[in-house]
């Protein structure tokens, strides 16, 4: 198989496209000829040497999601057959023309979706669905603040919340990103470079605040996030790009707030499979009907993986950055 391999920890220039042996498929797995993968922030951390893959996963081939065609099935597989179009969340190894996927982790690609669109779904939509719905219990009629609303997780969370008739607030660093987000259902866009998002939320909610905050920034937003939350509000932290140190815990008890952290990569196969099947039941039908759409920023061929990483590091993307992979 062809794979984008990290030759050493470092910048985007460390990638080389090489020939590697196909993954060994287990009896409960399917072998997928990959047509497309997509970038995630975790890939940048892995490339820099600070976010290693779980045991048993290639350490030098990033990629947390893939979409393609089943070409072989294990002896105990009953759900899939060669020729099926599938997409899946991966522990790593997605920047390659072959991946082995447990049959319970594979999801059928809805008719009408391209492989590029399908590759944009697993990591960010499963993360967003798990974070705001399963863990924070967001329900119709509540309000939610989504930071980095133009990111992959942000555009996914925004659409999931809007589909539940929730009031949506979102932050981004440009008017253009906020305008694009409004087309996906954003009610109130906040440019964090120009406005205090907690003050805007207090004003727009009559002092009530939002029931849920999805945060990817961490420490620098800690106090503003607590100020933005309603009494008994819930916050889920899916990243800490700005730092992990926090202070002033007073609002937690005063407002009876709940704060949780989350991540998918380190979970057990059973946890991931259960989440995948719940997503298939509750969200994938909305994607199949076009109610929710995967958002693609730009598509790069596998040979230009370094340019794709540079694009993500620029923070200019709106939606997912996709790698197009020749499955032959």
C-alpha atoms as a PDB file:
ATOM      1  CA  UNK A   1       0.000   0.000   0.000  1.00  0.00           C
ATOM      2  CA  UNK A   2       0.995   3.645  -0.375  1.00  0.00           C
ATOM      3  CA  UNK A   3       1.158   5.637   2.845  1.00  0.00           C
ATOM      4  CA  UNK A   4       2.184   9.088   4.042  1.00  0.00           C
ATOM      5  CA  UNK A   5       4.872   8.281   6.590  1.00  0.00           C
ATOM      6  CA  UNK A   6       6.443  10.570   9.186  1.00  0.00           C
ATOM      7  CA  UNK A   7      10.200  10.042   8.989  1.00  0.00           C
ATOM      8  CA  UNK A   8      10.811  11.798  12.321  1.00  0.00           C
ATOM      9  CA  UNK A   9       9.020  14.218  14.660  1.00  0.00           C
ATOM     10  CA  UNK A  10       8.857  17.733  13.244  1.00  0.00           C
ATOM     11  CA  UNK A  11       7.100  20.005  10.793  1.00  0.00           C
ATOM     12  CA  UNK A  12       5.075  19.134   7.706  1.00  0.00           C
ATOM     13  CA  UNK A  13       8.279  18.523   5.758  1.00  0.00           C
ATOM     14  CA  UNK A  14       8.893  15.214   7.599  1.00  0.00           C
ATOM     15  CA  UNK A  15       6.311  13.376   5.480  1.00  0.00           C
ATOM     16  CA  UNK A  16       7.336  10.924   2.778  1.00  0.00           C
ATOM     17  CA  UNK A  17       4.954   8.847   0.659  1.00  0.00           C
ATOM     18  CA  UNK A  18       6.228   5.268   0.727  1.00  0.00           C
ATOM     19  CA  UNK A  19       5.221   1.702  -0.067  1.00  0.00           C
ATOM     20  CA  UNK A  20       4.324  -0.282   3.051  1.00  0.00           C
ATOM     21  CA  UNK A  21       2.912  -3.782   3.628  1.00  0.00           C
ATOM     22  CA  UNK A  22      -0.877  -4.000   3.783  1.00  0.00           C
ATOM     23  CA  UNK A  23      -2.312  -4.176   7.320  1.00  0.00           C
ATOM     24  CA  UNK A  24      -2.985  -7.660   8.659  1.00  0.00           C
ATOM     25  CA  UNK A  25      -6.734  -8.206   8.852  1.00  0.00           C
ATOM     26  CA  UNK A  26      -8.246 -10.007  11.847  1.00  0.00           C
ATOM     27  CA  UNK A  27     -11.207 -12.415  11.711  1.00  0.00           C
ATOM     28  CA  UNK A  28     -13.647  -9.676  12.808  1.00  0.00           C
ATOM     29  CA  UNK A  29     -12.247  -7.026  10.486  1.00  0.00           C
ATOM     30  CA  UNK A  30     -12.693  -5.822   6.936  1.00  0.00           C
ATOM     31  CA  UNK A  31      -9.922  -4.652   4.643  1.00  0.00           C
ATOM     32  CA  UNK A  32     -10.778  -1.321   3.038  1.00  0.00           C
ATOM     33  CA  UNK A  33      -9.301   0.212  -0.104  1.00  0.00           C
ATOM     34  CA  UNK A  34      -9.121   3.842   1.018  1.00  0.00           C
ATOM     35  CA  UNK A  35     -10.295   6.568  -1.352  1.00  0.00           C
ATOM     36  CA  UNK A  36     -10.052   9.473   1.104  1.00  0.00           C
ATOM     37  CA  UNK A  37      -8.915  10.369   4.596  1.00  0.00           C
ATOM     38  CA  UNK A  38      -9.018  13.676   6.476  1.00  0.00           C
ATOM     39  CA  UNK A  39      -6.897  15.747   8.826  1.00  0.00           C
ATOM     40  CA  UNK A  40      -7.519  16.335  12.518  1.00  0.00           C
ATOM     41  CA  UNK A  41      -5.683  18.376  15.142  1.00  0.00           C
ATOM     42  CA  UNK A  42      -4.467  15.155  16.732  1.00  0.00           C
ATOM     43  CA  UNK A  43      -2.501  14.449  13.544  1.00  0.00           C
ATOM     44  CA  UNK A  44      -0.479  17.621  14.093  1.00  0.00           C
ATOM     45  CA  UNK A  45       0.338  16.555  17.632  1.00  0.00           C
ATOM     46  CA  UNK A  46       1.355  13.078  16.479  1.00  0.00           C
ATOM     47  CA  UNK A  47       3.565  14.536  13.741  1.00  0.00           C
ATOM     48  CA  UNK A  48       5.328  16.761  16.283  1.00  0.00           C
ATOM     49  CA  UNK A  49       5.980  13.770  18.535  1.00  0.00           C
ATOM     50  CA  UNK A  50       3.646  14.777  21.360  1.00  0.00           C
ATOM     51  CA  UNK A  51       0.617  12.559  20.752  1.00  0.00           C
ATOM     52  CA  UNK A  52       1.587   8.936  20.090  1.00  0.00           C
ATOM     53  CA  UNK A  53      -0.839   6.441  18.605  1.00  0.00           C
ATOM     54  CA  UNK A  54      -2.317   3.735  20.872  1.00  0.00           C
ATOM     55  CA  UNK A  55      -0.531   0.375  21.112  1.00  0.00           C
ATOM     56  CA  UNK A  56      -0.943  -1.763  18.008  1.00  0.00           C
ATOM     57  CA  UNK A  57      -1.475   1.259  15.736  1.00  0.00           C
ATOM     58  CA  UNK A  58       1.224   2.473  13.302  1.00  0.00           C
ATOM     59  CA  UNK A  59       3.178   5.217  15.042  1.00  0.00           C
ATOM     60  CA  UNK A  60       4.448   6.796  11.839  1.00  0.00           C
ATOM     61  CA  UNK A  61       1.230   6.896   9.773  1.00  0.00           C
ATOM     62  CA  UNK A  62      -1.376   9.375  11.097  1.00  0.00           C
ATOM     63  CA  UNK A  63      -5.031   9.476  10.156  1.00  0.00           C
ATOM     64  CA  UNK A  64      -8.066   9.018  12.399  1.00  0.00           C
ATOM     65  CA  UNK A  65     -10.695   8.407   9.718  1.00  0.00           C
ATOM     66  CA  UNK A  66     -11.073   6.943   6.268  1.00  0.00           C
ATOM     67  CA  UNK A  67     -13.633   6.219   3.576  1.00  0.00           C
ATOM     68  CA  UNK A  68     -13.410   3.593   0.885  1.00  0.00           C
ATOM     69  CA  UNK A  69     -14.542   0.229  -0.440  1.00  0.00           C
ATOM     70  CA  UNK A  70     -14.462  -3.132   1.316  1.00  0.00           C
ATOM     71  CA  UNK A  71     -12.213  -5.496  -0.653  1.00  0.00           C
ATOM     72  CA  UNK A  72     -11.916  -8.407   1.788  1.00  0.00           C
ATOM     73  CA  UNK A  73     -13.730  -9.595   4.920  1.00  0.00           C
ATOM     74  CA  UNK A  74     -12.573 -11.651   7.891  1.00  0.00           C
ATOM     75  CA  UNK A  75     -13.899 -15.138   8.511  1.00  0.00           C
ATOM     76  CA  UNK A  76     -16.251 -14.040  11.301  1.00  0.00           C
ATOM     77  CA  UNK A  77     -17.582 -10.897   9.563  1.00  0.00           C
ATOM     78  CA  UNK A  78     -21.311 -10.974   8.826  1.00  0.00           C
ATOM     79  CA  UNK A  79     -22.256  -7.314   8.322  1.00  0.00           C
ATOM     80  CA  UNK A  80     -20.167  -6.488   5.242  1.00  0.00           C
ATOM     81  CA  UNK A  81     -19.144  -7.880   1.908  1.00  0.00           C
ATOM     82  CA  UNK A  82     -16.687  -6.830  -0.820  1.00  0.00           C
ATOM     83  CA  UNK A  83     -17.901  -3.795  -2.735  1.00  0.00           C
ATOM     84  CA  UNK A  84     -19.631  -2.098   0.213  1.00  0.00           C
ATOM     85  CA  UNK A  85     -18.836   1.601   0.605  1.00  0.00           C
ATOM     86  CA  UNK A  86     -17.834   2.328   4.198  1.00  0.00           C
ATOM     87  CA  UNK A  87     -16.340   5.017   6.402  1.00  0.00           C
ATOM     88  CA  UNK A  88     -14.804   4.536   9.826  1.00  0.00           C
ATOM     89  CA  UNK A  89     -13.165   6.084  12.852  1.00  0.00           C
ATOM     90  CA  UNK A  90      -9.595   4.804  13.243  1.00  0.00           C
ATOM     91  CA  UNK A  91      -6.963   4.733  15.951  1.00  0.00           C
ATOM     92  CA  UNK A  92      -4.480   5.844  13.292  1.00  0.00           C
ATOM     93  CA  UNK A  93      -3.071   4.764   9.950  1.00  0.00           C
ATOM     94  CA  UNK A  94      -5.650   6.556   7.814  1.00  0.00           C
ATOM     95  CA  UNK A  95      -3.117   8.278   5.537  1.00  0.00           C
ATOM     96  CA  UNK A  96      -2.764   5.044   3.542  1.00  0.00           C
ATOM     97  CA  UNK A  97      -4.430   3.201   0.680  1.00  0.00           C
ATOM     98  CA  UNK A  98      -5.402   0.247   2.917  1.00  0.00           C
ATOM     99  CA  UNK A  99      -6.826   0.066   6.435  1.00  0.00           C
ATOM    100  CA  UNK A 100      -8.202  -2.825   8.486  1.00  0.00           C
ATOM    101  CA  UNK A 101     -11.398  -1.952  10.368  1.00  0.00           C
ATOM    102  CA  UNK A 102     -13.407  -3.927  12.904  1.00  0.00           C
ATOM    103  CA  UNK A 103     -16.799  -4.676  11.383  1.00  0.00           C
ATOM    104  CA  UNK A 104     -18.625  -2.866  14.207  1.00  0.00           C
ATOM    105  CA  UNK A 105     -16.645   0.313  13.565  1.00  0.00           C
ATOM    106  CA  UNK A 106     -17.536   0.528   9.877  1.00  0.00           C
ATOM    107  CA  UNK A 107     -20.458   2.731   8.808  1.00  0.00           C
ATOM    108  CA  UNK A 108     -22.239   2.516   5.489  1.00  0.00           C
ATOM    109  CA  UNK A 109     -21.729   5.626   3.349  1.00  0.00           C
ATOM    110  CA  UNK A 110     -25.120   7.130   2.449  1.00  0.00           C
ATOM    111  CA  UNK A 111     -26.002   7.135  -1.229  1.00  0.00           C
ATOM    112  CA  UNK A 112     -25.093  10.412  -2.875  1.00  0.00           C
ATOM    113  CA  UNK A 113     -22.086  11.154  -0.655  1.00  0.00           C
ATOM    114  CA  UNK A 114     -18.642  11.174  -2.222  1.00  0.00           C
ATOM    115  CA  UNK A 115     -15.708   9.457  -0.570  1.00  0.00           C
ATOM    116  CA  UNK A 116     -14.275  12.895   0.209  1.00  0.00           C
ATOM    117  CA  UNK A 117     -17.465  13.871   2.032  1.00  0.00           C
ATOM    118  CA  UNK A 118     -17.619  10.551   3.845  1.00  0.00           C
ATOM    119  CA  UNK A 119     -14.012  10.844   5.040  1.00  0.00           C
ATOM    120  CA  UNK A 120     -14.968  14.181   6.616  1.00  0.00           C
ATOM    121  CA  UNK A 121     -17.510  12.566   8.938  1.00  0.00           C
ATOM    122  CA  UNK A 122     -16.217   9.955  11.415  1.00  0.00           C
ATOM    123  CA  UNK A 123     -13.814  11.744  13.757  1.00  0.00           C
ATOM    124  CA  UNK A 124     -15.478  15.142  14.041  1.00  0.00           C
ATOM    125  CA  UNK A 125     -19.112  14.072  13.953  1.00  0.00           C
ATOM    126  CA  UNK A 126     -18.631  11.245  16.447  1.00  0.00           C
ATOM    127  CA  UNK A 127     -16.678  13.623  18.703  1.00  0.00           C
ATOM    128  CA  UNK A 128     -19.335  16.334  18.492  1.00  0.00           C
ATOM    129  CA  UNK A 129     -22.285  13.966  18.935  1.00  0.00           C
ATOM    130  CA  UNK A 130     -20.680  12.239  21.901  1.00  0.00           C
ATOM    131  CA  UNK A 131     -19.648  15.543  23.512  1.00  0.00           C
ATOM    132  CA  UNK A 132     -22.762  17.679  23.327  1.00  0.00           C
ATOM    133  CA  UNK A 133     -25.519  15.053  23.146  1.00  0.00           C
ATOM    134  CA  UNK A 134     -24.386  11.910  24.961  1.00  0.00           C
ATOM    135  CA  UNK A 135     -22.138  13.498  27.585  1.00  0.00           C
ATOM    136  CA  UNK A 136     -23.703  16.933  28.055  1.00  0.00           C
ATOM    137  CA  UNK A 137     -27.282  15.856  27.393  1.00  0.00           C
ATOM    138  CA  UNK A 138     -28.117  18.770  25.082  1.00  0.00           C
ATOM    139  CA  UNK A 139     -31.821  18.634  24.234  1.00  0.00           C
ATOM    140  CA  UNK A 140     -34.218  20.606  22.082  1.00  0.00           C
ATOM    141  CA  UNK A 141     -34.858  24.131  23.333  1.00  0.00           C
ATOM    142  CA  UNK A 142     -31.529  24.531  25.122  1.00  0.00           C
ATOM    143  CA  UNK A 143     -28.685  26.776  24.003  1.00  0.00           C
ATOM    144  CA  UNK A 144     -25.069  25.923  23.269  1.00  0.00           C
ATOM    145  CA  UNK A 145     -21.819  27.831  22.777  1.00  0.00           C
ATOM    146  CA  UNK A 146     -19.446  26.219  20.258  1.00  0.00           C
ATOM    147  CA  UNK A 147     -15.902  27.510  20.168  1.00  0.00           C
ATOM    148  CA  UNK A 148     -13.949  27.332  16.879  1.00  0.00           C
ATOM    149  CA  UNK A 149     -17.283  26.998  15.120  1.00  0.00           C
ATOM    150  CA  UNK A 150     -15.534  26.899  11.738  1.00  0.00           C
ATOM    151  CA  UNK A 151     -13.440  23.845  12.630  1.00  0.00           C
ATOM    152  CA  UNK A 152     -14.381  20.284  11.748  1.00  0.00           C
ATOM    153  CA  UNK A 153     -15.765  19.553  15.217  1.00  0.00           C
ATOM    154  CA  UNK A 154     -17.337  23.015  15.301  1.00  0.00           C
ATOM    155  CA  UNK A 155     -19.274  22.661  12.037  1.00  0.00           C
ATOM    156  CA  UNK A 156     -20.400  19.174  13.106  1.00  0.00           C
ATOM    157  CA  UNK A 157     -21.560  20.265  16.574  1.00  0.00           C
ATOM    158  CA  UNK A 158     -23.306  23.307  15.108  1.00  0.00           C
ATOM    159  CA  UNK A 159     -25.390  21.224  12.732  1.00  0.00           C
ATOM    160  CA  UNK A 160     -26.231  18.569  15.323  1.00  0.00           C
ATOM    161  CA  UNK A 161     -27.413  21.274  17.722  1.00  0.00           C
ATOM    162  CA  UNK A 162     -29.368  23.133  15.041  1.00  0.00           C
ATOM    163  CA  UNK A 163     -31.084  19.884  14.016  1.00  0.00           C
ATOM    164  CA  UNK A 164     -32.373  19.660  17.602  1.00  0.00           C
ATOM    165  CA  UNK A 165     -33.795  23.203  17.438  1.00  0.00           C
ATOM    166  CA  UNK A 166     -31.245  24.490  19.947  1.00  0.00           C
ATOM    167  CA  UNK A 167     -30.121  28.103  20.013  1.00  0.00           C
ATOM    168  CA  UNK A 168     -26.524  28.198  18.794  1.00  0.00           C
ATOM    169  CA  UNK A 169     -23.736  30.603  19.669  1.00  0.00           C
ATOM    170  CA  UNK A 170     -20.341  30.233  18.016  1.00  0.00           C
ATOM    171  CA  UNK A 171     -16.935  31.890  18.120  1.00  0.00           C
ATOM    172  CA  UNK A 172     -14.447  32.336  15.289  1.00  0.00           C
ATOM    173  CA  UNK A 173     -11.658  34.733  14.405  1.00  0.00           C
ATOM    174  CA  UNK A 174     -13.081  36.174  11.189  1.00  0.00           C
ATOM    175  CA  UNK A 175     -16.330  37.548   9.850  1.00  0.00           C
ATOM    176  CA  UNK A 176     -16.054  35.217   6.870  1.00  0.00           C
ATOM    177  CA  UNK A 177     -16.053  32.087   9.026  1.00  0.00           C
ATOM    178  CA  UNK A 178     -19.017  33.347  11.021  1.00  0.00           C
ATOM    179  CA  UNK A 179     -20.922  34.095   7.833  1.00  0.00           C
ATOM    180  CA  UNK A 180     -20.299  30.582   6.528  1.00  0.00           C
ATOM    181  CA  UNK A 181     -21.397  29.161   9.870  1.00  0.00           C
ATOM    182  CA  UNK A 182     -24.683  31.050   9.697  1.00  0.00           C
ATOM    183  CA  UNK A 183     -25.511  29.110   6.549  1.00  0.00           C
ATOM    184  CA  UNK A 184     -25.202  25.940   8.664  1.00  0.00           C
ATOM    185  CA  UNK A 185     -27.580  27.147  11.370  1.00  0.00           C
ATOM    186  CA  UNK A 186     -25.561  29.490  13.590  1.00  0.00           C
ATOM    187  CA  UNK A 187     -27.869  31.916  15.399  1.00  0.00           C
ATOM    188  CA  UNK A 188     -25.309  34.241  17.011  1.00  0.00           C
ATOM    189  CA  UNK A 189     -21.765  34.557  15.715  1.00  0.00           C
ATOM    190  CA  UNK A 190     -19.079  36.122  17.912  1.00  0.00           C
ATOM    191  CA  UNK A 191     -15.694  37.298  16.640  1.00  0.00           C
ATOM    192  CA  UNK A 192     -13.429  36.503  19.589  1.00  0.00           C
ATOM    193  CA  UNK A 193     -10.870  39.034  18.341  1.00  0.00           C
ATOM    194  CA  UNK A 194     -13.380  41.869  18.733  1.00  0.00           C
ATOM    195  CA  UNK A 195     -15.960  40.828  21.358  1.00  0.00           C
ATOM    196  CA  UNK A 196     -16.195  39.295  24.819  1.00  0.00           C
ATOM    197  CA  UNK A 197     -18.235  36.186  24.113  1.00  0.00           C
ATOM    198  CA  UNK A 198     -19.464  35.848  27.694  1.00  0.00           C
ATOM    199  CA  UNK A 199     -20.795  39.414  27.635  1.00  0.00           C
ATOM    200  CA  UNK A 200     -22.545  38.829  24.298  1.00  0.00           C
ATOM    201  CA  UNK A 201     -24.186  35.659  25.619  1.00  0.00           C
ATOM    202  CA  UNK A 202     -25.370  37.333  28.809  1.00  0.00           C
ATOM    203  CA  UNK A 203     -26.899  40.126  26.745  1.00  0.00           C
ATOM    204  CA  UNK A 204     -28.554  37.830  24.190  1.00  0.00           C
ATOM    205  CA  UNK A 205     -29.960  35.464  26.830  1.00  0.00           C
ATOM    206  CA  UNK A 206     -31.154  38.108  29.279  1.00  0.00           C
ATOM    207  CA  UNK A 207     -28.514  37.091  31.804  1.00  0.00           C
ATOM    208  CA  UNK A 208     -29.518  33.414  31.739  1.00  0.00           C
ATOM    209  CA  UNK A 209     -26.471  32.035  29.918  1.00  0.00           C
ATOM    210  CA  UNK A 210     -26.144  28.893  27.812  1.00  0.00           C
ATOM    211  CA  UNK A 211     -26.826  25.380  29.009  1.00  0.00           C
ATOM    212  CA  UNK A 212     -23.829  23.812  27.236  1.00  0.00           C
ATOM    213  CA  UNK A 213     -20.334  24.962  26.198  1.00  0.00           C
ATOM    214  CA  UNK A 214     -18.121  22.965  23.835  1.00  0.00           C
ATOM    215  CA  UNK A 215     -14.558  24.183  24.348  1.00  0.00           C
ATOM    216  CA  UNK A 216     -11.365  23.491  22.405  1.00  0.00           C
ATOM    217  CA  UNK A 217      -9.243  26.364  23.782  1.00  0.00           C
ATOM    218  CA  UNK A 218      -8.818  25.494  27.465  1.00  0.00           C
ATOM    219  CA  UNK A 219      -7.200  27.736  30.045  1.00  0.00           C
ATOM    220  CA  UNK A 220      -7.524  31.172  28.403  1.00  0.00           C
ATOM    221  CA  UNK A 221     -11.304  30.720  28.056  1.00  0.00           C
ATOM    222  CA  UNK A 222     -11.907  29.114  31.450  1.00  0.00           C
ATOM    223  CA  UNK A 223     -13.367  32.080  33.336  1.00  0.00           C
ATOM    224  CA  UNK A 224     -15.356  33.408  30.368  1.00  0.00           C
ATOM    225  CA  UNK A 225     -16.815  29.965  29.773  1.00  0.00           C
ATOM    226  CA  UNK A 226     -17.980  29.733  33.379  1.00  0.00           C
ATOM    227  CA  UNK A 227     -19.452  33.222  33.137  1.00  0.00           C
ATOM    228  CA  UNK A 228     -21.283  32.243  29.940  1.00  0.00           C
ATOM    229  CA  UNK A 229     -22.883  29.145  31.461  1.00  0.00           C
ATOM    230  CA  UNK A 230     -26.337  29.135  32.972  1.00  0.00           C
ATOM    231  CA  UNK A 231     -26.940  27.809  36.477  1.00  0.00           C
ATOM    232  CA  UNK A 232     -26.426  24.028  36.368  1.00  0.00           C
ATOM    233  CA  UNK A 233     -24.811  24.413  32.947  1.00  0.00           C
ATOM    234  CA  UNK A 234     -22.481  21.815  31.461  1.00  0.00           C
ATOM    235  CA  UNK A 235     -19.133  22.298  29.765  1.00  0.00           C
ATOM    236  CA  UNK A 236     -17.226  19.681  27.765  1.00  0.00           C
ATOM    237  CA  UNK A 237     -13.548  20.189  26.932  1.00  0.00           C
ATOM    238  CA  UNK A 238     -12.418  18.453  23.752  1.00  0.00           C
ATOM    239  CA  UNK A 239      -9.128  20.315  23.370  1.00  0.00           C
ATOM    240  CA  UNK A 240      -6.815  22.795  25.054  1.00  0.00           C
ATOM    241  CA  UNK A 241      -5.076  24.576  22.201  1.00  0.00           C
ATOM    242  CA  UNK A 242      -4.549  27.669  24.335  1.00  0.00           C
ATOM    243  CA  UNK A 243      -3.185  25.902  27.429  1.00  0.00           C
ATOM    244  CA  UNK A 244      -4.402  23.716  30.282  1.00  0.00           C
ATOM    245  CA  UNK A 245      -3.885  25.811  33.409  1.00  0.00           C
ATOM    246  CA  UNK A 246      -7.007  27.235  35.085  1.00  0.00           C
ATOM    247  CA  UNK A 247      -7.842  29.159  38.232  1.00  0.00           C
ATOM    248  CA  UNK A 248     -10.900  30.530  40.056  1.00  0.00           C
ATOM    249  CA  UNK A 249     -13.093  27.525  40.758  1.00  0.00           C
ATOM    250  CA  UNK A 250     -15.666  29.610  42.615  1.00  0.00           C
ATOM    251  CA  UNK A 251     -18.349  29.653  39.884  1.00  0.00           C
ATOM    252  CA  UNK A 252     -18.382  25.841  39.763  1.00  0.00           C
ATOM    253  CA  UNK A 253     -20.048  25.523  43.153  1.00  0.00           C
ATOM    254  CA  UNK A 254     -21.890  28.842  43.077  1.00  0.00           C
ATOM    255  CA  UNK A 255     -23.643  28.003  39.793  1.00  0.00           C
ATOM    256  CA  UNK A 256     -23.596  24.192  40.341  1.00  0.00           C
ATOM    257  CA  UNK A 257     -21.771  23.668  37.046  1.00  0.00           C
ATOM    258  CA  UNK A 258     -20.528  20.416  35.528  1.00  0.00           C
ATOM    259  CA  UNK A 259     -17.237  20.256  33.609  1.00  0.00           C
ATOM    260  CA  UNK A 260     -16.072  17.188  31.696  1.00  0.00           C
ATOM    261  CA  UNK A 261     -13.185  16.292  29.468  1.00  0.00           C
ATOM    262  CA  UNK A 262     -13.397  13.884  26.578  1.00  0.00           C
ATOM    263  CA  UNK A 263     -11.416  12.126  23.873  1.00  0.00           C
ATOM    264  CA  UNK A 264     -12.053   9.231  21.511  1.00  0.00           C
ATOM    265  CA  UNK A 265      -8.642   7.852  20.586  1.00  0.00           C
ATOM    266  CA  UNK A 266      -7.843   6.195  23.894  1.00  0.00           C
ATOM    267  CA  UNK A 267     -11.199   4.472  24.376  1.00  0.00           C
ATOM    268  CA  UNK A 268     -11.682   0.734  24.156  1.00  0.00           C
ATOM    269  CA  UNK A 269     -12.993  -0.935  21.020  1.00  0.00           C
ATOM    270  CA  UNK A 270     -16.279  -1.673  22.787  1.00  0.00           C
ATOM    271  CA  UNK A 271     -16.756   1.978  23.760  1.00  0.00           C
ATOM    272  CA  UNK A 272     -15.991   3.175  20.241  1.00  0.00           C
ATOM    273  CA  UNK A 273     -18.207   0.558  18.631  1.00  0.00           C
ATOM    274  CA  UNK A 274     -21.123   1.439  20.912  1.00  0.00           C
ATOM    275  CA  UNK A 275     -20.724   5.127  20.102  1.00  0.00           C
ATOM    276  CA  UNK A 276     -20.486   4.357  16.381  1.00  0.00           C
ATOM    277  CA  UNK A 277     -23.706   2.364  16.388  1.00  0.00           C
ATOM    278  CA  UNK A 278     -25.550   5.052  18.347  1.00  0.00           C
ATOM    279  CA  UNK A 279     -24.358   7.640  15.835  1.00  0.00           C
ATOM    280  CA  UNK A 280     -25.547   5.439  12.965  1.00  0.00           C
ATOM    281  CA  UNK A 281     -28.968   5.220  14.589  1.00  0.00           C
ATOM    282  CA  UNK A 282     -29.461   8.852  15.552  1.00  0.00           C
ATOM    283  CA  UNK A 283     -27.358  11.110  13.292  1.00  0.00           C
ATOM    284  CA  UNK A 284     -26.475   9.267  10.100  1.00  0.00           C
ATOM    285  CA  UNK A 285     -30.109   9.353   8.866  1.00  0.00           C
ATOM    286  CA  UNK A 286     -29.968  13.168   9.033  1.00  0.00           C
ATOM    287  CA  UNK A 287     -26.835  13.118   6.901  1.00  0.00           C
ATOM    288  CA  UNK A 288     -28.450  10.703   4.453  1.00  0.00           C
ATOM    289  CA  UNK A 289     -31.393  13.109   4.057  1.00  0.00           C
ATOM    290  CA  UNK A 290     -29.145  16.142   3.602  1.00  0.00           C
ATOM    291  CA  UNK A 291     -30.308  17.748   6.836  1.00  0.00           C
ATOM    292  CA  UNK A 292     -26.717  17.673   8.054  1.00  0.00           C
ATOM    293  CA  UNK A 293     -23.799  17.986   5.624  1.00  0.00           C
ATOM    294  CA  UNK A 294     -20.067  17.303   5.944  1.00  0.00           C
ATOM    295  CA  UNK A 295     -18.187  20.535   5.314  1.00  0.00           C
ATOM    296  CA  UNK A 296     -15.002  20.373   3.234  1.00  0.00           C
ATOM    297  CA  UNK A 297     -12.496  23.198   3.194  1.00  0.00           C
ATOM    298  CA  UNK A 298      -9.972  21.855   0.692  1.00  0.00           C
ATOM    299  CA  UNK A 299      -8.895  18.556  -0.880  1.00  0.00           C
ATOM    300  CA  UNK A 300      -5.223  17.597  -1.321  1.00  0.00           C
ATOM    301  CA  UNK A 301      -3.755  14.516  -3.012  1.00  0.00           C
ATOM    302  CA  UNK A 302      -1.808  12.233  -0.689  1.00  0.00           C
ATOM    303  CA  UNK A 303       1.472  13.375  -2.250  1.00  0.00           C
ATOM    304  CA  UNK A 304       0.719  16.903  -0.990  1.00  0.00           C
ATOM    305  CA  UNK A 305       0.142  15.878   2.620  1.00  0.00           C
ATOM    306  CA  UNK A 306       2.695  18.445   3.819  1.00  0.00           C
ATOM    307  CA  UNK A 307       0.695  21.258   2.188  1.00  0.00           C
ATOM    308  CA  UNK A 308      -2.466  19.904   3.814  1.00  0.00           C
ATOM    309  CA  UNK A 309      -0.809  20.070   7.250  1.00  0.00           C
ATOM    310  CA  UNK A 310       0.382  23.597   6.534  1.00  0.00           C
ATOM    311  CA  UNK A 311      -3.191  24.543   5.691  1.00  0.00           C
ATOM    312  CA  UNK A 312      -4.447  23.210   9.020  1.00  0.00           C
ATOM    313  CA  UNK A 313      -1.679  24.926  10.957  1.00  0.00           C
ATOM    314  CA  UNK A 314      -2.646  28.252   9.370  1.00  0.00           C
ATOM    315  CA  UNK A 315      -6.061  28.052  11.107  1.00  0.00           C
ATOM    316  CA  UNK A 316      -7.627  29.463   7.961  1.00  0.00           C
ATOM    317  CA  UNK A 317      -9.692  26.395   7.101  1.00  0.00           C
ATOM    318  CA  UNK A 318     -13.467  26.285   7.447  1.00  0.00           C
ATOM    319  CA  UNK A 319     -14.470  22.644   7.805  1.00  0.00           C
ATOM    320  CA  UNK A 320     -12.398  19.596   6.984  1.00  0.00           C
ATOM    321  CA  UNK A 321      -9.136  19.253   5.082  1.00  0.00           C
ATOM    322  CA  UNK A 322      -9.284  16.042   3.037  1.00  0.00           C
ATOM    323  CA  UNK A 323      -6.616  13.784   1.578  1.00  0.00           C
ATOM    324  CA  UNK A 324      -7.497  12.101  -1.703  1.00  0.00           C
ATOM    325  CA  UNK A 325      -5.920   8.655  -1.871  1.00  0.00           C
ATOM    326  CA  UNK A 326      -5.521   6.392  -4.896  1.00  0.00           C
ATOM    327  CA  UNK A 327      -6.832   2.997  -3.670  1.00  0.00           C
ATOM    328  CA  UNK A 328      -5.192   0.959  -6.448  1.00  0.00           C
END
